[in-house]
Structure formats: C-alpha cells, structure tokens
Amino acid sequence: MKTWVFIALFVPGLVLAQTLAAVDDEILFQARCADLCHQLPDPNMLKAKQWVKVLKVMQKRMQQRGVMPMSEQEFSQILAYLQANSRQ
C-alpha cells in the first residue's frame, strides 16, 4: 500500500518536471511576456545585442509591478530565442 501511495504522489511530479524542462524557448517567451504583460514584440525588430538590454529592463519592470521576475534559466532561454530570431 505504501508503495502505491509513493508512486501515486511521485510519478505525476516527475512527469511535470520533465514536461517543464522540455518547454520550447518560444513557448516560454510567449508565456512569460505576452501572457503576463504585453503584446509580443517581433524578435526581428532588434539586433541580438539589443535584446540583452531590453530583457534587463523588463526584469526591473516585472519587479516594480510585483510580478515574479524571470529566473536565470528563463532569462537565458528567452534571450537565446530572441537572439536566434533577431535581425543581423
């Protein structure tokens, strides 16, 4: 009985963790930016270096508004997506 309870509690959490780890960068960008704050910008509107500054400003704005800021991993993933799709 104890084994079944452990499996019933542990497996869904493990599946959720694996699912979250596999989140695509673009989906994360949509979830953290559009769903919370504003319309999504076109990544091609800025150069790769410019996105670093923009994301740092967005981090500050999120903190000022009481929104949980991006984690380091989220920041890196979103930046990677934006830079990969930025204008050259």
PDB file of N, CA and C in Angstrom:
ATOM      1  N   MET A   1       0.827  -1.206   0.000  1.00  0.00           N
ATOM      2  CA  MET A   1       0.000   0.000   0.000  1.00  0.00           C
ATOM      3  C   MET A   1       0.869   1.267   0.000  1.00  0.00           C
ATOM      4  N   LYS A   2       1.907   1.283   0.845  1.00  0.00           N
ATOM      5  CA  LYS A   2       2.778   2.450   0.916  1.00  0.00           C
ATOM      6  C   LYS A   2       3.467   2.705  -0.427  1.00  0.00           C
ATOM      7  N   THR A   3       3.833   1.636  -1.123  1.00  0.00           N
ATOM      8  CA  THR A   3       4.477   1.772  -2.423  1.00  0.00           C
ATOM      9  C   THR A   3       3.556   2.453  -3.407  1.00  0.00           C
ATOM     10  N   TRP A   4       2.303   2.069  -3.416  1.00  0.00           N
ATOM     11  CA  TRP A   4       1.334   2.665  -4.352  1.00  0.00           C
ATOM     12  C   TRP A   4       1.109   4.143  -4.050  1.00  0.00           C
ATOM     13  N   VAL A   5       1.074   4.492  -2.790  1.00  0.00           N
ATOM     14  CA  VAL A   5       0.904   5.897  -2.413  1.00  0.00           C
ATOM     15  C   VAL A   5       2.111   6.706  -2.877  1.00  0.00           C
ATOM     16  N   PHE A   6       3.297   6.163  -2.664  1.00  0.00           N
ATOM     17  CA  PHE A   6       4.518   6.836  -3.114  1.00  0.00           C
ATOM     18  C   PHE A   6       4.499   7.041  -4.622  1.00  0.00           C
ATOM     19  N   ILE A   7       4.161   5.997  -5.366  1.00  0.00           N
ATOM     20  CA  ILE A   7       4.111   6.078  -6.826  1.00  0.00           C
ATOM     21  C   ILE A   7       3.064   7.094  -7.268  1.00  0.00           C
ATOM     22  N   ALA A   8       1.908   7.082  -6.630  1.00  0.00           N
ATOM     23  CA  ALA A   8       0.825   7.999  -6.990  1.00  0.00           C
ATOM     24  C   ALA A   8       1.214   9.453  -6.748  1.00  0.00           C
ATOM     25  N   LEU A   9       2.057   9.706  -5.760  1.00  0.00           N
ATOM     26  CA  LEU A   9       2.479  11.073  -5.463  1.00  0.00           C
ATOM     27  C   LEU A   9       3.740  11.470  -6.219  1.00  0.00           C
ATOM     28  N   PHE A  10       4.651  10.555  -6.420  1.00  0.00           N
ATOM     29  CA  PHE A  10       5.941  10.865  -7.027  1.00  0.00           C
ATOM     30  C   PHE A  10       5.887  10.963  -8.548  1.00  0.00           C
ATOM     31  N   VAL A  11       5.238  10.042  -9.200  1.00  0.00           N
ATOM     32  CA  VAL A  11       5.241   9.972 -10.663  1.00  0.00           C
ATOM     33  C   VAL A  11       4.657  11.223 -11.314  1.00  0.00           C
ATOM     34  N   PRO A  12       3.480  11.726 -10.886  1.00  0.00           N
ATOM     35  CA  PRO A  12       2.979  12.957 -11.526  1.00  0.00           C
ATOM     36  C   PRO A  12       3.942  14.137 -11.389  1.00  0.00           C
ATOM     37  N   GLY A  13       4.603  14.260 -10.255  1.00  0.00           N
ATOM     38  CA  GLY A  13       5.576  15.334 -10.076  1.00  0.00           C
ATOM     39  C   GLY A  13       6.772  15.174 -10.993  1.00  0.00           C
ATOM     40  N   LEU A  14       7.209  13.946 -11.179  1.00  0.00           N
ATOM     41  CA  LEU A  14       8.328  13.670 -12.079  1.00  0.00           C
ATOM     42  C   LEU A  14       7.955  13.976 -13.522  1.00  0.00           C
ATOM     43  N   VAL A  15       6.761  13.585 -13.919  1.00  0.00           N
ATOM     44  CA  VAL A  15       6.285  13.859 -15.275  1.00  0.00           C
ATOM     45  C   VAL A  15       6.180  15.363 -15.500  1.00  0.00           C
ATOM     46  N   LEU A  16       5.663  16.083 -14.520  1.00  0.00           N
ATOM     47  CA  LEU A  16       5.549  17.538 -14.634  1.00  0.00           C
ATOM     48  C   LEU A  16       6.928  18.174 -14.758  1.00  0.00           C
ATOM     49  N   ALA A  17       7.881  17.733 -13.974  1.00  0.00           N
ATOM     50  CA  ALA A  17       9.233  18.287 -14.039  1.00  0.00           C
ATOM     51  C   ALA A  17       9.853  18.043 -15.410  1.00  0.00           C
ATOM     52  N   GLN A  18       9.657  16.854 -15.952  1.00  0.00           N
ATOM     53  CA  GLN A  18      10.199  16.554 -17.278  1.00  0.00           C
ATOM     54  C   GLN A  18       9.516  17.401 -18.343  1.00  0.00           C
ATOM     55  N   THR A  19       8.220  17.610 -18.210  1.00  0.00           N
ATOM     56  CA  THR A  19       7.481  18.420 -19.172  1.00  0.00           C
ATOM     57  C   THR A  19       7.959  19.866 -19.123  1.00  0.00           C
ATOM     58  N   LEU A  20       8.130  20.398 -17.931  1.00  0.00           N
ATOM     59  CA  LEU A  20       8.594  21.777 -17.799  1.00  0.00           C
ATOM     60  C   LEU A  20      10.012  21.939 -18.331  1.00  0.00           C
ATOM     61  N   ALA A  21      10.851  20.934 -18.152  1.00  0.00           N
ATOM     62  CA  ALA A  21      12.218  21.007 -18.639  1.00  0.00           C
ATOM     63  C   ALA A  21      12.269  21.009 -20.163  1.00  0.00           C
ATOM     64  N   ALA A  22      11.232  20.470 -20.792  1.00  0.00           N
ATOM     65  CA  ALA A  22      11.212  20.374 -22.252  1.00  0.00           C
ATOM     66  C   ALA A  22      10.504  21.552 -22.913  1.00  0.00           C
ATOM     67  N   VAL A  23      10.165  22.562 -22.140  1.00  0.00           N
ATOM     68  CA  VAL A  23       9.449  23.709 -22.700  1.00  0.00           C
ATOM     69  C   VAL A  23      10.292  24.380 -23.772  1.00  0.00           C
ATOM     70  N   ASP A  24       9.694  24.602 -24.895  1.00  0.00           N
ATOM     71  CA  ASP A  24      10.359  25.268 -26.008  1.00  0.00           C
ATOM     72  C   ASP A  24      10.605  26.734 -25.659  1.00  0.00           C
ATOM     73  N   ASP A  25      11.722  27.275 -26.131  1.00  0.00           N
ATOM     74  CA  ASP A  25      12.071  28.672 -25.831  1.00  0.00           C
ATOM     75  C   ASP A  25      10.996  29.653 -26.286  1.00  0.00           C
ATOM     76  N   GLU A  26      10.423  29.404 -27.436  1.00  0.00           N
ATOM     77  CA  GLU A  26       9.389  30.309 -27.946  1.00  0.00           C
ATOM     78  C   GLU A  26       8.145  30.270 -27.070  1.00  0.00           C
ATOM     79  N   ILE A  27       7.772  29.101 -26.615  1.00  0.00           N
ATOM     80  CA  ILE A  27       6.596  28.969 -25.744  1.00  0.00           C
ATOM     81  C   ILE A  27       6.858  29.676 -24.420  1.00  0.00           C
ATOM     82  N   LEU A  28       8.065  29.546 -23.904  1.00  0.00           N
ATOM     83  CA  LEU A  28       8.428  30.240 -22.670  1.00  0.00           C
ATOM     84  C   LEU A  28       8.358  31.746 -22.875  1.00  0.00           C
ATOM     85  N   PHE A  29       8.870  32.220 -23.999  1.00  0.00           N
ATOM     86  CA  PHE A  29       8.804  33.642 -24.356  1.00  0.00           C
ATOM     87  C   PHE A  29       7.352  34.118 -24.353  1.00  0.00           C
ATOM     88  N   GLN A  30       6.475  33.362 -24.979  1.00  0.00           N
ATOM     89  CA  GLN A  30       5.059  33.724 -25.028  1.00  0.00           C
ATOM     90  C   GLN A  30       4.439  33.726 -23.636  1.00  0.00           C
ATOM     91  N   ALA A  31       4.747  32.712 -22.859  1.00  0.00           N
ATOM     92  CA  ALA A  31       4.152  32.587 -21.530  1.00  0.00           C
ATOM     93  C   ALA A  31       4.609  33.681 -20.574  1.00  0.00           C
ATOM     94  N   ARG A  32       5.885  33.989 -20.590  1.00  0.00           N
ATOM     95  CA  ARG A  32       6.414  34.961 -19.628  1.00  0.00           C
ATOM     96  C   ARG A  32       6.194  36.402 -20.046  1.00  0.00           C
ATOM     97  N   CYS A  33       6.054  36.647 -21.337  1.00  0.00           N
ATOM     98  CA  CYS A  33       5.960  38.028 -21.806  1.00  0.00           C
ATOM     99  C   CYS A  33       4.537  38.427 -22.201  1.00  0.00           C
ATOM    100  N   ALA A  34       3.945  37.702 -23.097  1.00  0.00           N
ATOM    101  CA  ALA A  34       2.616  38.078 -23.594  1.00  0.00           C
ATOM    102  C   ALA A  34       1.529  37.767 -22.587  1.00  0.00           C
ATOM    103  N   ASP A  35       1.597  36.611 -21.972  1.00  0.00           N
ATOM    104  CA  ASP A  35       0.539  36.223 -21.049  1.00  0.00           C
ATOM    105  C   ASP A  35       0.521  37.093 -19.796  1.00  0.00           C
ATOM    106  N   LEU A  36       1.656  37.636 -19.431  1.00  0.00           N
ATOM    107  CA  LEU A  36       1.738  38.423 -18.199  1.00  0.00           C
ATOM    108  C   LEU A  36       1.647  39.927 -18.401  1.00  0.00           C
ATOM    109  N   CYS A  37       2.246  40.437 -19.475  1.00  0.00           N
ATOM    110  CA  CYS A  37       2.418  41.887 -19.529  1.00  0.00           C
ATOM    111  C   CYS A  37       1.937  42.584 -20.794  1.00  0.00           C
ATOM    112  N   HIS A  38       2.333  42.112 -21.946  1.00  0.00           N
ATOM    113  CA  HIS A  38       2.111  42.914 -23.144  1.00  0.00           C
ATOM    114  C   HIS A  38       2.086  42.066 -24.402  1.00  0.00           C
ATOM    115  N   GLN A  39       1.804  42.728 -25.498  1.00  0.00           N
ATOM    116  CA  GLN A  39       1.831  42.076 -26.800  1.00  0.00           C
ATOM    117  C   GLN A  39       3.272  41.697 -27.121  1.00  0.00           C
ATOM    118  N   LEU A  40       3.450  40.553 -27.748  1.00  0.00           N
ATOM    119  CA  LEU A  40       4.801  40.091 -28.050  1.00  0.00           C
ATOM    120  C   LEU A  40       5.468  40.945 -29.122  1.00  0.00           C
ATOM    121  N   PRO A  41       6.708  41.324 -28.874  1.00  0.00           N
ATOM    122  CA  PRO A  41       7.455  42.021 -29.923  1.00  0.00           C
ATOM    123  C   PRO A  41       7.969  41.008 -30.940  1.00  0.00           C
ATOM    124  N   ASP A  42       8.223  41.471 -32.130  1.00  0.00           N
ATOM    125  CA  ASP A  42       8.838  40.640 -33.159  1.00  0.00           C
ATOM    126  C   ASP A  42      10.331  40.572 -32.844  1.00  0.00           C
ATOM    127  N   PRO A  43      10.896  39.386 -32.641  1.00  0.00           N
ATOM    128  CA  PRO A  43      12.325  39.289 -32.328  1.00  0.00           C
ATOM    129  C   PRO A  43      13.218  39.943 -33.381  1.00  0.00           C
ATOM    130  N   ASN A  44      12.723  40.043 -34.600  1.00  0.00           N
ATOM    131  CA  ASN A  44      13.485  40.612 -35.700  1.00  0.00           C
ATOM    132  C   ASN A  44      13.552  42.146 -35.651  1.00  0.00           C
ATOM    133  N   MET A  45      12.861  42.744 -34.698  1.00  0.00           N
ATOM    134  CA  MET A  45      12.860  44.206 -34.641  1.00  0.00           C
ATOM    135  C   MET A  45      14.144  44.788 -34.042  1.00  0.00           C
ATOM    136  N   LEU A  46      14.920  43.958 -33.358  1.00  0.00           N
ATOM    137  CA  LEU A  46      16.165  44.420 -32.750  1.00  0.00           C
ATOM    138  C   LEU A  46      17.311  43.492 -33.113  1.00  0.00           C
ATOM    139  N   LYS A  47      18.524  43.996 -32.904  1.00  0.00           N
ATOM    140  CA  LYS A  47      19.714  43.171 -33.081  1.00  0.00           C
ATOM    141  C   LYS A  47      19.926  42.337 -31.819  1.00  0.00           C
ATOM    142  N   ALA A  48      20.715  41.282 -31.955  1.00  0.00           N
ATOM    143  CA  ALA A  48      20.943  40.350 -30.846  1.00  0.00           C
ATOM    144  C   ALA A  48      21.424  41.046 -29.571  1.00  0.00           C
ATOM    145  N   LYS A  49      22.388  41.954 -29.693  1.00  0.00           N
ATOM    146  CA  LYS A  49      22.934  42.644 -28.518  1.00  0.00           C
ATOM    147  C   LYS A  49      21.888  43.513 -27.828  1.00  0.00           C
ATOM    148  N   GLN A  50      20.975  44.069 -28.604  1.00  0.00           N
ATOM    149  CA  GLN A  50      19.957  44.952 -28.041  1.00  0.00           C
ATOM    150  C   GLN A  50      18.982  44.188 -27.143  1.00  0.00           C
ATOM    151  N   TRP A  51      18.745  42.914 -27.441  1.00  0.00           N
ATOM    152  CA  TRP A  51      17.799  42.136 -26.642  1.00  0.00           C
ATOM    153  C   TRP A  51      18.269  41.949 -25.205  1.00  0.00           C
ATOM    154  N   VAL A  52      19.571  41.928 -24.981  1.00  0.00           N
ATOM    155  CA  VAL A  52      20.090  41.791 -23.619  1.00  0.00           C
ATOM    156  C   VAL A  52      19.610  42.971 -22.776  1.00  0.00           C
ATOM    157  N   LYS A  53      19.778  44.163 -23.295  1.00  0.00           N
ATOM    158  CA  LYS A  53      19.365  45.372 -22.569  1.00  0.00           C
ATOM    159  C   LYS A  53      17.859  45.396 -22.344  1.00  0.00           C
ATOM    160  N   VAL A  54      17.098  45.031 -23.370  1.00  0.00           N
ATOM    161  CA  VAL A  54      15.632  45.040 -23.263  1.00  0.00           C
ATOM    162  C   VAL A  54      15.178  44.068 -22.181  1.00  0.00           C
ATOM    163  N   LEU A  55      15.740  42.878 -22.167  1.00  0.00           N
ATOM    164  CA  LEU A  55      15.326  41.900 -21.152  1.00  0.00           C
ATOM    165  C   LEU A  55      15.685  42.358 -19.740  1.00  0.00           C
ATOM    166  N   LYS A  56      16.811  43.015 -19.581  1.00  0.00           N
ATOM    167  CA  LYS A  56      17.188  43.530 -18.259  1.00  0.00           C
ATOM    168  C   LYS A  56      16.198  44.601 -17.798  1.00  0.00           C
ATOM    169  N   VAL A  57      15.759  45.438 -18.705  1.00  0.00           N
ATOM    170  CA  VAL A  57      14.742  46.454 -18.370  1.00  0.00           C
ATOM    171  C   VAL A  57      13.432  45.771 -17.996  1.00  0.00           C
ATOM    172  N   MET A  58      13.072  44.738 -18.733  1.00  0.00           N
ATOM    173  CA  MET A  58      11.823  44.018 -18.443  1.00  0.00           C
ATOM    174  C   MET A  58      11.886  43.360 -17.062  1.00  0.00           C
ATOM    175  N   GLN A  59      13.057  42.851 -16.687  1.00  0.00           N
ATOM    176  CA  GLN A  59      13.226  42.271 -15.360  1.00  0.00           C
ATOM    177  C   GLN A  59      12.907  43.313 -14.279  1.00  0.00           C
ATOM    178  N   LYS A  60      13.446  44.514 -14.453  1.00  0.00           N
ATOM    179  CA  LYS A  60      13.207  45.579 -13.473  1.00  0.00           C
ATOM    180  C   LYS A  60      11.731  45.949 -13.423  1.00  0.00           C
ATOM    181  N   ARG A  61      11.105  46.048 -14.583  1.00  0.00           N
ATOM    182  CA  ARG A  61       9.679  46.394 -14.622  1.00  0.00           C
ATOM    183  C   ARG A  61       8.822  45.326 -13.962  1.00  0.00           C
ATOM    184  N   MET A  62       9.192  44.081 -14.150  1.00  0.00           N
ATOM    185  CA  MET A  62       8.436  42.997 -13.517  1.00  0.00           C
ATOM    186  C   MET A  62       8.524  43.122 -11.999  1.00  0.00           C
ATOM    187  N   GLN A  63       9.716  43.376 -11.488  1.00  0.00           N
ATOM    188  CA  GLN A  63       9.897  43.534 -10.052  1.00  0.00           C
ATOM    189  C   GLN A  63       9.097  44.722  -9.525  1.00  0.00           C
ATOM    190  N   GLN A  64       9.095  45.841 -10.260  1.00  0.00           N
ATOM    191  CA  GLN A  64       8.357  47.033  -9.838  1.00  0.00           C
ATOM    192  C   GLN A  64       6.852  46.772  -9.781  1.00  0.00           C
ATOM    193  N   ARG A  65       6.362  45.913 -10.649  1.00  0.00           N
ATOM    194  CA  ARG A  65       4.926  45.614 -10.708  1.00  0.00           C
ATOM    195  C   ARG A  65       4.525  44.449  -9.817  1.00  0.00           C
ATOM    196  N   GLY A  66       5.472  43.888  -9.108  1.00  0.00           N
ATOM    197  CA  GLY A  66       5.167  42.773  -8.219  1.00  0.00           C
ATOM    198  C   GLY A  66       4.975  41.448  -8.941  1.00  0.00           C
ATOM    199  N   VAL A  67       5.474  41.371 -10.175  1.00  0.00           N
ATOM    200  CA  VAL A  67       5.407  40.134 -10.945  1.00  0.00           C
ATOM    201  C   VAL A  67       6.703  39.384 -10.719  1.00  0.00           C
ATOM    202  N   MET A  68       6.615  38.070 -10.531  1.00  0.00           N
ATOM    203  CA  MET A  68       7.815  37.287 -10.314  1.00  0.00           C
ATOM    204  C   MET A  68       8.746  37.432 -11.517  1.00  0.00           C
ATOM    205  N   PRO A  69       9.956  37.920 -11.296  1.00  0.00           N
ATOM    206  CA  PRO A  69      10.887  38.091 -12.413  1.00  0.00           C
ATOM    207  C   PRO A  69      11.316  36.744 -12.987  1.00  0.00           C
ATOM    208  N   MET A  70      11.887  36.804 -14.163  1.00  0.00           N
ATOM    209  CA  MET A  70      12.364  35.588 -14.812  1.00  0.00           C
ATOM    210  C   MET A  70      13.498  34.990 -14.005  1.00  0.00           C
ATOM    211  N   SER A  71      13.519  33.686 -13.928  1.00  0.00           N
ATOM    212  CA  SER A  71      14.660  33.014 -13.310  1.00  0.00           C
ATOM    213  C   SER A  71      15.847  33.155 -14.261  1.00  0.00           C
ATOM    214  N   GLU A  72      17.024  32.811 -13.803  1.00  0.00           N
ATOM    215  CA  GLU A  72      18.206  32.887 -14.666  1.00  0.00           C
ATOM    216  C   GLU A  72      18.038  31.988 -15.881  1.00  0.00           C
ATOM    217  N   GLN A  73      17.460  30.816 -15.672  1.00  0.00           N
ATOM    218  CA  GLN A  73      17.255  29.886 -16.779  1.00  0.00           C
ATOM    219  C   GLN A  73      16.241  30.444 -17.770  1.00  0.00           C
ATOM    220  N   GLU A  74      15.128  31.008 -17.264  1.00  0.00           N
ATOM    221  CA  GLU A  74      14.129  31.601 -18.155  1.00  0.00           C
ATOM    222  C   GLU A  74      14.740  32.758 -18.947  1.00  0.00           C
ATOM    223  N   PHE A  75      15.495  33.597 -18.258  1.00  0.00           N
ATOM    224  CA  PHE A  75      16.153  34.728 -18.911  1.00  0.00           C
ATOM    225  C   PHE A  75      17.043  34.223 -20.045  1.00  0.00           C
ATOM    226  N   SER A  76      17.852  33.216 -19.764  1.00  0.00           N
ATOM    227  CA  SER A  76      18.767  32.660 -20.769  1.00  0.00           C
ATOM    228  C   SER A  76      18.020  32.054 -21.948  1.00  0.00           C
ATOM    229  N   GLN A  77      16.955  31.307 -21.658  1.00  0.00           N
ATOM    230  CA  GLN A  77      16.180  30.674 -22.730  1.00  0.00           C
ATOM    231  C   GLN A  77      15.495  31.709 -23.614  1.00  0.00           C
ATOM    232  N   ILE A  78      14.882  32.698 -22.986  1.00  0.00           N
ATOM    233  CA  ILE A  78      14.181  33.733 -23.753  1.00  0.00           C
ATOM    234  C   ILE A  78      15.182  34.551 -24.558  1.00  0.00           C
ATOM    235  N   LEU A  79      16.303  34.898 -23.950  1.00  0.00           N
ATOM    236  CA  LEU A  79      17.336  35.637 -24.662  1.00  0.00           C
ATOM    237  C   LEU A  79      17.847  34.822 -25.857  1.00  0.00           C
ATOM    238  N   ALA A  80      18.062  33.545 -25.665  1.00  0.00           N
ATOM    239  CA  ALA A  80      18.535  32.687 -26.762  1.00  0.00           C
ATOM    240  C   ALA A  80      17.529  32.687 -27.916  1.00  0.00           C
ATOM    241  N   TYR A  81      16.241  32.602 -27.579  1.00  0.00           N
ATOM    242  CA  TYR A  81      15.210  32.622 -28.619  1.00  0.00           C
ATOM    243  C   TYR A  81      15.217  33.954 -29.360  1.00  0.00           C
ATOM    244  N   LEU A  82      15.233  35.046 -28.607  1.00  0.00           N
ATOM    245  CA  LEU A  82      15.200  36.374 -29.231  1.00  0.00           C
ATOM    246  C   LEU A  82      16.429  36.617 -30.096  1.00  0.00           C
ATOM    247  N   GLN A  83      17.591  36.244 -29.594  1.00  0.00           N
ATOM    248  CA  GLN A  83      18.810  36.458 -30.365  1.00  0.00           C
ATOM    249  C   GLN A  83      18.886  35.576 -31.600  1.00  0.00           C
ATOM    250  N   ALA A  84      18.384  34.366 -31.495  1.00  0.00           N
ATOM    251  CA  ALA A  84      18.385  33.471 -32.658  1.00  0.00           C
ATOM    252  C   ALA A  84      17.473  33.978 -33.768  1.00  0.00           C
ATOM    253  N   ASN A  85      16.464  34.757 -33.376  1.00  0.00           N
ATOM    254  CA  ASN A  85      15.492  35.262 -34.342  1.00  0.00           C
ATOM    255  C   ASN A  85      15.602  36.762 -34.573  1.00  0.00           C
ATOM    256  N   SER A  86      16.695  37.364 -34.078  1.00  0.00           N
ATOM    257  CA  SER A  86      16.880  38.805 -34.211  1.00  0.00           C
ATOM    258  C   SER A  86      17.407  39.147 -35.599  1.00  0.00           C
ATOM    259  N   ARG A  87      17.380  40.454 -35.877  1.00  0.00           N
ATOM    260  CA  ARG A  87      17.957  40.883 -37.161  1.00  0.00           C
ATOM    261  C   ARG A  87      19.468  40.978 -37.002  1.00  0.00           C
ATOM    262  N   GLN A  88      20.122  40.847 -38.068  1.00  0.00           N
ATOM    263  CA  GLN A  88      21.595  40.848 -38.050  1.00  0.00           C
ATOM    264  C   GLN A  88      22.068  42.205 -38.314  1.00  0.00           C
TER     265      GLN A  88
END
